[in-house]
Protein backbone atom coordinates (compact mmCIF):
# COMPACT_ATOMS: atom_id res chain seq x y z
CA MET A 1 85.72 87.38 97.14
CA THR A 2 86.98 85.54 100.22
CA ASP A 3 84.80 82.67 101.41
CA PHE A 4 85.03 82.89 105.19
CA THR A 5 82.79 79.84 105.58
CA ALA A 6 85.40 77.82 103.73
CA THR A 7 88.30 79.23 105.72
CA ARG A 8 86.48 78.48 108.98
CA ALA A 9 86.09 74.86 107.93
CA ALA A 10 89.85 74.68 107.46
CA PHE A 11 90.48 74.97 111.22
CA HIS A 12 89.99 72.62 114.14
CA LEU A 13 88.12 74.54 116.85
CA PRO A 14 87.07 72.72 120.04
CA GLU A 15 83.34 72.28 120.49
CA GLY A 16 81.78 75.01 122.63
CA VAL A 17 84.77 77.34 122.47
CA ILE A 18 84.69 80.93 121.21
CA TYR A 19 88.29 81.70 120.36
CA LEU A 20 89.28 85.35 120.66
CA ASP A 21 92.98 84.79 121.18
CA GLY A 22 94.30 84.24 117.67
CA ASN A 23 96.39 87.36 118.21
CA SER A 24 98.40 85.28 120.69
CA LEU A 25 98.26 81.77 119.19
CA GLY A 26 96.34 80.79 116.09
CA PRO A 27 94.28 77.57 116.17
CA LEU A 28 95.24 74.33 114.46
CA PRO A 29 94.70 74.19 110.68
CA ARG A 30 93.08 70.83 109.97
CA ALA A 31 95.60 70.04 107.25
CA ALA A 32 98.61 70.63 109.50
CA SER A 33 98.37 67.32 111.35
CA ASP A 34 98.42 65.27 108.15
CA ARG A 35 101.13 67.45 106.65
CA MET A 36 103.39 66.98 109.65
CA ALA A 37 102.65 63.25 109.74
CA ARG A 38 103.60 62.92 106.06
CA THR A 39 106.77 64.89 106.63
CA MET A 40 107.72 62.65 109.53
CA ARG A 41 106.76 59.39 107.83
CA ASP A 42 107.56 59.91 104.16
CA GLU A 43 110.40 62.40 104.39
CA TRP A 44 112.22 62.05 107.72
CA GLY A 45 111.27 58.38 108.05
CA GLU A 46 112.01 57.18 104.52
CA MET A 47 114.51 59.69 103.24
CA LEU A 48 116.49 60.25 106.41
CA ILE A 49 119.22 62.82 105.82
CA THR A 50 118.66 62.75 102.06
CA GLY A 51 115.47 64.73 102.75
CA TRP A 52 117.52 67.92 102.80
CA ASN A 53 117.91 67.48 99.05
CA ARG A 54 115.11 65.13 97.97
CA ALA A 55 112.33 66.80 99.99
CA GLY A 56 113.69 70.32 99.52
CA TRP A 57 114.07 71.07 103.22
CA MET A 58 117.01 73.40 102.66
CA ALA A 59 115.08 75.60 100.23
CA GLN A 60 111.94 75.89 102.36
CA PRO A 61 112.96 78.99 104.35
CA ARG A 62 113.03 81.01 101.10
CA GLY A 63 109.92 79.39 99.65
CA LEU A 64 107.87 79.98 102.78
CA GLY A 65 109.40 83.43 103.03
CA ASP A 66 107.93 84.32 99.64
CA ARG A 67 104.51 83.03 100.69
CA ILE A 68 104.63 85.29 103.74
CA GLY A 69 106.07 88.06 101.61
CA ARG A 70 102.85 88.15 99.58
CA LEU A 71 100.92 88.91 102.78
CA ILE A 72 103.20 91.76 103.83
CA GLY A 73 103.76 93.39 100.44
CA ALA A 74 107.38 92.30 100.05
CA GLU A 75 109.26 91.90 96.80
CA PRO A 76 109.87 88.23 95.86
CA GLY A 77 113.12 86.85 97.18
CA HIS A 78 113.47 89.25 100.09
CA VAL A 79 111.89 87.37 103.01
CA VAL A 80 113.44 84.36 104.70
CA LEU A 81 112.15 82.17 107.50
CA GLY A 82 113.90 80.73 110.54
CA ASP A 83 114.86 81.06 114.19
CA THR A 84 112.74 83.13 116.58
CA LEU A 85 111.40 86.67 116.39
CA SER A 86 113.89 87.89 119.00
CA ILE A 87 116.74 86.58 116.84
CA LYS A 88 115.33 88.34 113.81
CA VAL A 89 114.98 91.62 115.75
CA TYR A 90 118.63 91.32 116.76
CA GLN A 91 119.73 90.66 113.19
CA ALA A 92 117.77 93.56 111.75
CA LEU A 93 118.87 95.99 114.45
CA ALA A 94 122.55 95.07 114.19
CA ALA A 95 122.47 95.46 110.42
CA ALA A 96 120.61 98.77 110.63
CA LEU A 97 123.05 100.23 113.15
CA GLU A 98 126.00 99.32 110.92
CA MET A 99 124.34 101.34 108.17
CA ARG A 100 124.42 104.48 110.36
CA PRO A 101 127.77 104.19 112.20
CA GLU A 102 127.92 107.89 113.05
CA ARG A 103 124.63 107.87 114.98
CA ARG A 104 123.92 106.48 118.45
CA VAL A 105 120.15 106.62 119.10
CA ILE A 106 117.73 103.72 118.68
CA LEU A 107 114.20 105.13 118.87
CA SER A 108 111.31 103.01 120.07
CA ASP A 109 108.08 103.54 121.99
CA SER A 110 106.51 102.37 125.23
CA GLY A 111 103.94 100.33 123.33
CA ASN A 112 106.60 98.14 121.79
CA PHE A 113 106.79 94.50 122.79
CA PRO A 114 109.28 94.21 125.67
CA SER A 115 111.34 91.52 123.95
CA ASP A 116 112.22 93.97 121.19
CA LEU A 117 113.46 96.43 123.80
CA TYR A 118 115.39 93.70 125.62
CA MET A 119 117.15 92.72 122.39
CA ALA A 120 118.06 96.36 121.80
CA GLU A 121 119.47 96.66 125.32
CA GLY A 122 121.52 93.50 124.88
CA LEU A 123 122.83 94.61 121.50
CA ILE A 124 123.85 97.99 122.93
CA ARG A 125 125.87 96.22 125.62
CA ALA A 126 127.46 93.88 123.08
CA PHE A 127 128.36 96.69 120.67
CA GLY A 128 129.89 98.82 123.41
CA ARG A 129 129.81 101.93 121.26
CA GLY A 130 127.72 104.22 123.44
CA HIS A 131 124.36 103.65 121.77
CA GLU A 132 121.19 104.80 123.53
CA LEU A 133 117.75 103.22 123.49
CA ARG A 134 115.32 106.14 123.56
CA VAL A 135 111.74 105.12 124.42
CA VAL A 136 108.92 107.62 124.01
CA ALA A 137 105.13 107.46 124.14
CA PRO A 138 103.59 106.05 120.94
CA GLU A 139 101.99 109.40 120.19
CA ALA A 140 105.38 111.12 120.47
CA VAL A 141 107.28 108.98 117.96
CA ALA A 142 106.85 111.29 114.97
CA GLU A 143 108.28 114.31 116.78
CA ALA A 144 111.09 112.23 118.30
CA ILE A 145 112.51 111.27 114.90
CA THR A 146 115.45 113.65 114.74
CA GLU A 147 118.84 113.61 113.03
CA GLU A 148 120.28 111.92 116.14
CA VAL A 149 118.31 108.77 115.41
CA ALA A 150 120.11 105.90 113.72
CA VAL A 151 117.23 103.42 113.73
CA THR A 152 113.54 103.41 114.51
CA LEU A 153 112.46 100.10 116.06
CA LEU A 154 108.67 100.00 116.11
CA THR A 155 105.93 97.38 116.33
CA GLU A 156 103.21 98.35 113.88
CA VAL A 157 100.35 97.17 116.12
CA ASP A 158 100.63 97.67 119.88
CA TYR A 159 100.37 94.24 121.52
CA ARG A 160 98.37 95.62 124.45
CA THR A 161 95.95 98.15 122.99
CA GLY A 162 95.93 97.33 119.28
CA ARG A 163 96.90 100.91 118.40
CA LEU A 164 98.16 101.02 114.81
CA HIS A 165 101.18 103.06 113.74
CA ASP A 166 101.15 104.69 110.31
CA MET A 167 104.00 102.77 108.70
CA THR A 168 104.13 104.90 105.56
CA ASP A 169 104.21 108.22 107.40
CA LEU A 170 106.74 107.21 110.06
CA THR A 171 108.99 105.54 107.51
CA ALA A 172 108.98 108.68 105.40
CA ARG A 173 109.78 110.81 108.46
CA ALA A 174 112.63 108.49 109.44
CA HIS A 175 114.13 108.56 105.96
CA ALA A 176 113.84 112.34 105.80
CA ALA A 177 115.87 112.48 109.02
CA GLY A 178 118.42 109.98 107.68
CA ALA A 179 117.33 107.07 109.91
CA VAL A 180 116.80 103.39 109.06
CA THR A 181 113.48 101.70 109.88
CA ILE A 182 112.68 98.31 111.41
CA TRP A 183 109.04 97.23 111.65
CA ASP A 184 107.88 94.39 113.87
CA LEU A 185 104.85 92.83 112.18
CA ALA A 186 104.00 90.26 114.89
CA HIS A 187 100.48 91.64 115.22
CA SER A 188 100.14 92.77 111.60
CA ALA A 189 101.03 89.84 109.35
CA GLY A 190 97.79 88.03 108.61
CA ALA A 191 95.74 90.59 110.52
CA LEU A 192 95.58 93.49 108.08
CA PRO A 193 97.02 94.55 104.71
CA VAL A 194 100.72 95.38 104.98
CA ASP A 195 102.86 96.89 102.23
CA VAL A 196 106.49 97.01 103.33
CA ALA A 197 107.71 97.72 99.81
CA GLY A 198 105.16 100.46 99.20
CA ALA A 199 105.92 102.06 102.55
CA GLY A 200 109.65 101.99 101.85
CA ALA A 201 110.49 99.97 104.97
CA ASP A 202 114.14 99.01 105.32
CA PHE A 203 113.67 95.92 107.49
CA ALA A 204 110.68 94.04 108.86
CA VAL A 205 110.37 91.04 111.14
CA GLY A 206 107.50 88.98 112.45
CA CYS A 207 106.30 85.71 113.91
CA THR A 208 104.07 83.07 112.33
CA TYR A 209 102.23 81.52 115.28
CA LYS A 210 99.65 84.26 115.75
CA TYR A 211 97.44 85.28 112.82
CA LEU A 212 99.38 83.04 110.41
CA ASN A 213 98.47 79.96 112.50
CA GLY A 214 101.83 78.21 112.21
CA GLY A 215 101.61 76.60 115.65
CA PRO A 216 103.35 77.07 119.03
CA GLY A 217 106.94 78.16 118.50
CA ALA A 218 106.58 78.42 114.72
CA PRO A 219 109.60 80.11 113.10
CA ALA A 220 109.91 83.84 112.53
CA PHE A 221 110.68 85.78 109.36
CA ILE A 222 112.80 88.72 108.31
CA TYR A 223 112.45 91.10 105.36
CA VAL A 224 115.33 93.13 103.97
CA ALA A 225 114.58 95.74 101.31
CA PRO A 226 116.28 95.00 97.96
CA ARG A 227 118.41 98.14 98.20
CA HIS A 228 120.04 96.77 101.37
CA ALA A 229 120.11 93.07 100.60
CA GLU A 230 123.76 92.87 99.53
CA MET A 231 125.10 95.20 102.21
CA ALA A 232 123.15 94.29 105.35
CA PHE A 233 125.72 93.03 107.86
CA PRO A 234 124.80 89.64 109.40
CA ALA A 235 125.91 90.09 113.01
CA LEU A 236 124.78 86.53 113.74
CA SER A 237 127.00 84.89 111.16
CA GLY A 238 125.47 81.44 111.26
CA TRP A 239 126.55 78.47 109.18
CA LEU A 240 123.50 78.62 106.91
CA GLY A 241 124.04 82.32 106.24
CA HIS A 242 127.44 81.52 104.73
CA GLU A 243 127.83 81.88 100.98
CA ALA A 244 128.83 78.20 100.70
CA PRO A 245 127.84 76.31 103.85
CA PHE A 246 129.07 72.96 102.61
CA ALA A 247 132.48 74.30 101.66
CA PHE A 248 133.12 74.26 105.43
CA GLU A 249 135.48 77.20 105.25
CA PRO A 250 137.07 78.36 108.51
CA ARG A 251 136.13 82.02 107.90
CA TYR A 252 132.67 83.47 107.34
CA ARG A 253 131.57 84.86 103.97
CA ALA A 254 128.09 86.34 103.90
CA GLY A 255 125.62 84.69 101.56
CA ALA A 256 123.91 86.55 98.73
CA GLY A 257 120.97 88.79 99.55
CA ILE A 258 118.40 87.54 102.03
CA GLU A 259 120.30 84.23 102.38
CA ARG A 260 122.76 85.96 104.69
CA MET A 261 119.97 86.41 107.23
CA ARG A 262 119.72 82.66 107.75
CA VAL A 263 121.30 81.46 110.98
CA GLY A 264 120.42 78.02 112.30
CA THR A 265 119.17 74.74 110.87
CA PRO A 266 115.62 75.08 109.47
CA PRO A 267 112.94 73.57 111.76
CA VAL A 268 111.59 71.08 109.22
CA LEU A 269 108.59 69.81 111.20
CA ALA A 270 107.50 73.31 112.19
CA MET A 271 107.83 74.43 108.57
CA ALA A 272 105.54 71.59 107.49
CA ALA A 273 102.79 72.85 109.80
CA LEU A 274 103.29 76.43 108.64
CA ASP A 275 103.20 75.36 104.99
CA ALA A 276 99.78 73.79 105.58
CA ALA A 277 98.59 76.94 107.37
CA LEU A 278 99.72 79.17 104.52
CA ASP A 279 97.66 77.11 102.06
CA ILE A 280 94.57 78.67 103.65
CA TRP A 281 95.83 82.14 102.76
CA ASP A 282 96.03 81.40 99.05
CA GLY A 283 92.34 82.25 98.67
CA VAL A 284 92.21 85.21 101.06
CA ASP A 285 91.89 88.80 99.91
CA MET A 286 93.53 90.99 102.55
CA ALA A 287 91.22 93.94 101.92
CA ALA A 288 88.18 91.71 102.48
CA LEU A 289 89.80 90.29 105.62
CA ARG A 290 90.37 93.80 106.95
CA ARG A 291 86.76 94.83 106.29
CA ARG A 292 85.43 91.76 108.12
CA SER A 293 87.88 92.29 110.98
CA ILE A 294 86.61 95.83 111.46
CA GLU A 295 82.99 94.64 111.35
CA LEU A 296 83.64 92.09 114.08
CA SER A 297 85.62 94.41 116.32
CA GLU A 298 83.12 97.26 115.93
CA LEU A 299 80.30 94.87 116.86
CA PHE A 300 82.17 93.73 119.96
CA ILE A 301 82.93 97.29 121.07
CA ALA A 302 79.28 98.28 120.65
CA GLU A 303 77.92 95.23 122.49
CA VAL A 304 80.38 95.45 125.36
CA GLY A 305 80.11 99.22 125.61
CA ALA A 306 76.33 99.01 126.00
CA ALA A 307 76.34 96.19 128.56
CA CYS A 308 79.56 96.65 130.54
CA PRO A 309 79.97 100.25 131.73
CA GLY A 310 82.64 99.12 134.18
CA LEU A 311 85.03 98.31 131.35
CA THR A 312 87.08 101.09 129.76
CA LEU A 313 88.02 100.82 126.11
CA ALA A 314 91.83 100.81 125.87
CA SER A 315 91.99 100.54 122.07
CA PRO A 316 91.57 103.49 119.71
CA ARG A 317 87.89 104.08 119.00
CA ASP A 318 88.65 104.80 115.35
CA ALA A 319 88.90 101.41 113.62
CA ALA A 320 91.40 102.81 111.12
CA ARG A 321 93.81 103.42 114.00
CA ARG A 322 93.85 99.89 115.44
CA GLY A 323 94.82 96.42 114.30
CA SER A 324 92.66 93.32 114.56
CA GLN A 325 92.25 93.32 118.33
CA VAL A 326 90.23 95.16 120.95
CA SER A 327 91.33 95.76 124.53
CA PHE A 328 89.51 96.93 127.62
CA ARG A 329 90.82 97.99 131.02
CA HIS A 330 89.64 96.86 134.44
CA GLU A 331 91.53 96.53 137.71
CA GLU A 332 90.25 92.93 137.97
CA GLY A 333 91.10 92.16 134.36
CA TYR A 334 92.92 88.92 135.08
CA ALA A 335 90.04 87.44 137.08
CA ILE A 336 87.52 88.53 134.45
CA ILE A 337 89.47 86.78 131.71
CA GLN A 338 89.67 83.60 133.80
CA ALA A 339 85.91 83.70 134.33
CA LEU A 340 85.44 84.04 130.57
CA ILE A 341 87.78 81.15 129.85
CA ALA A 342 85.83 79.00 132.30
CA ARG A 343 82.80 79.63 130.05
CA GLY A 344 84.68 78.69 126.90
CA VAL A 345 85.38 82.25 125.72
CA ILE A 346 89.13 82.53 125.33
CA GLY A 347 90.80 85.92 125.39
CA ASP A 348 93.89 86.87 127.37
CA PHE A 349 95.27 89.34 129.90
CA ARG A 350 98.19 91.73 129.75
CA THR A 351 99.53 93.43 132.82
CA PRO A 352 98.57 95.63 134.56
CA ASP A 353 94.87 95.71 133.66
CA ILE A 354 94.30 94.82 129.97
CA LEU A 355 91.65 92.36 128.76
CA ARG A 356 92.66 91.53 125.21
CA PHE A 357 90.52 90.06 122.39
CA GLY A 358 91.63 89.18 118.87
CA PHE A 359 89.32 89.18 115.85
CA THR A 360 90.27 86.71 113.16
CA PRO A 361 87.68 86.46 110.35
CA LEU A 362 89.19 83.24 109.00
CA TYR A 363 87.31 81.34 111.71
CA LEU A 364 85.26 83.87 113.70
CA GLY A 365 81.79 85.20 112.85
CA HIS A 366 79.23 87.69 114.07
CA GLY A 367 77.32 85.11 116.11
CA GLU A 368 80.35 84.21 118.18
CA VAL A 369 81.17 87.87 118.76
CA ARG A 370 77.67 88.56 120.08
CA ALA A 371 77.78 85.45 122.26
CA ALA A 372 81.18 86.42 123.68
CA ALA A 373 79.92 89.90 124.51
CA GLY A 374 76.88 88.34 126.20
CA HIS A 375 79.06 86.12 128.41
CA LEU A 376 81.22 89.09 129.33
CA ALA A 377 78.12 91.14 130.23
CA GLU A 378 76.86 88.40 132.56
CA ILE A 379 80.24 88.06 134.23
CA MET A 380 80.43 91.81 134.83
CA THR A 381 76.80 92.36 135.87
CA GLU A 382 76.73 89.45 138.31
CA ARG A 383 80.37 89.83 139.45
CA LEU A 384 81.02 86.23 138.50
CA TRP A 385 84.73 87.00 138.27
CA ASP A 386 84.89 87.57 142.04
CA ARG A 387 86.06 84.07 142.98
CA PRO A 388 89.39 83.08 144.57
CA GLU A 389 90.27 80.55 141.86
CA TYR A 390 90.05 83.23 139.17
CA ARG A 391 92.78 85.27 140.91
CA ILE A 392 95.40 82.51 140.90
CA ARG A 393 98.02 83.60 138.37
CA ALA A 394 99.13 80.94 135.91
CA ALA A 395 102.60 80.96 134.35
CA VAL A 396 101.12 82.20 131.04
CA THR A 397 98.49 84.93 131.19
C-alpha cells in the first residue's frame, strides 16, 4: 500500500502553491539538494577525476536505467540513461529503420510531440533514401498500419489532451504488418503503469524531468528489447557507446547490448538529483498510483464541469483512455492560465487553446484539487482573466 502522505513529505512545495504542472516539470525532491551537494563536495571535490571509478559515475547510466526500467516494465539491463529525449528518439528511429531497409514509411500521429516529428524529418534528410513521414489523426493510427510502414513512432500519452494510446494493441498490429515500434513515454513514465516487455515494444524512450522529478534538463532514457539489443545500429556512434572507450581506437566498434546506445559523457550532477528522486519511487505501487491519479482527475473534471460551462473538456471523458492529465479548451486559454498562476495554481498552456493540468498523487491530494477548481471557477465566472498583463506571452508557456 503506497503511503501518499509520506511521498508528499518527500517534496519541497512552495507555501501557498497548488502545483498541477508535474506533467511538464516535477517539483524538487527534498533529498536532491543534499545528494547533489554531497556529489559535488565528496565526489567531484575530493575525488576529482578518480570519481569516474571510485564513485561509480561511469556505471550510473545503466544503474539508473534499471531503476527506471522497473517503472516501465523493462527487462533488467535493457534501459540506459543519458543525453536528451530528442537524441534518444533519433537513436531509436535510426536503428529501427535499419531493421526494415526495404520499407520507407515512418508512421506517426498529429498528437505526437513536435520534437519527435522534427527528429524524424531531420533523419529522413540525413538518410537520403526516400523515406516518408506519414502523420495521421490519433484515431486513425490503427488503420494506417499497413505493410508499407517501416516504423511506428508514437507518444503513448498525447502531450496536449492526455489521450492514451493502447500500446499493446498498436504494437501487435505493427508487428502483424511487419513494422517496428518506438514508444515515447515522456508523459507515461511515472504517471501510469507501463509494461514495454509485456506489450512487446521494440524501442521506448522518455524523459525524467516530468513525473520522475529529476529536475530541469534531467537526462533521458532509451529501452531496446532484448531481441534487438545486439543488432540495433547506433547511428550516433559516440565514444561511450564504443565497445572499449579507453582503447581509443580510431574506428568505431559498437558496445554490447544497451551500452551501444550511450553517446556522450554522463551528466554526473544531474544523475545525482535523479538518483535521489528515484528513491521516492521505491515504495510506490504503480497500480495504486494510477487509481489515485484517476480519482484526482475525475474530481477535477466534475468540479470544473459543474462550475465552468465555458470550458470544453479536451481530454477523453473515459479515464481509461487518458494519462495523468486533464485538458480543457478556451479561446482565452493563455490568459486564464496566467490568472490561475497569479493565484498560486500552476498549470500550463499549449497552443492554440489548451489549458493543461497534471495530476501527480505523489504530492497532490483531493483538497488541492477542489481548491484549484474553485479558483478556476472564480476566474471564469468573474472574467478575472480579462486583464492586459495576462495576455503578454512569456518565452515558456
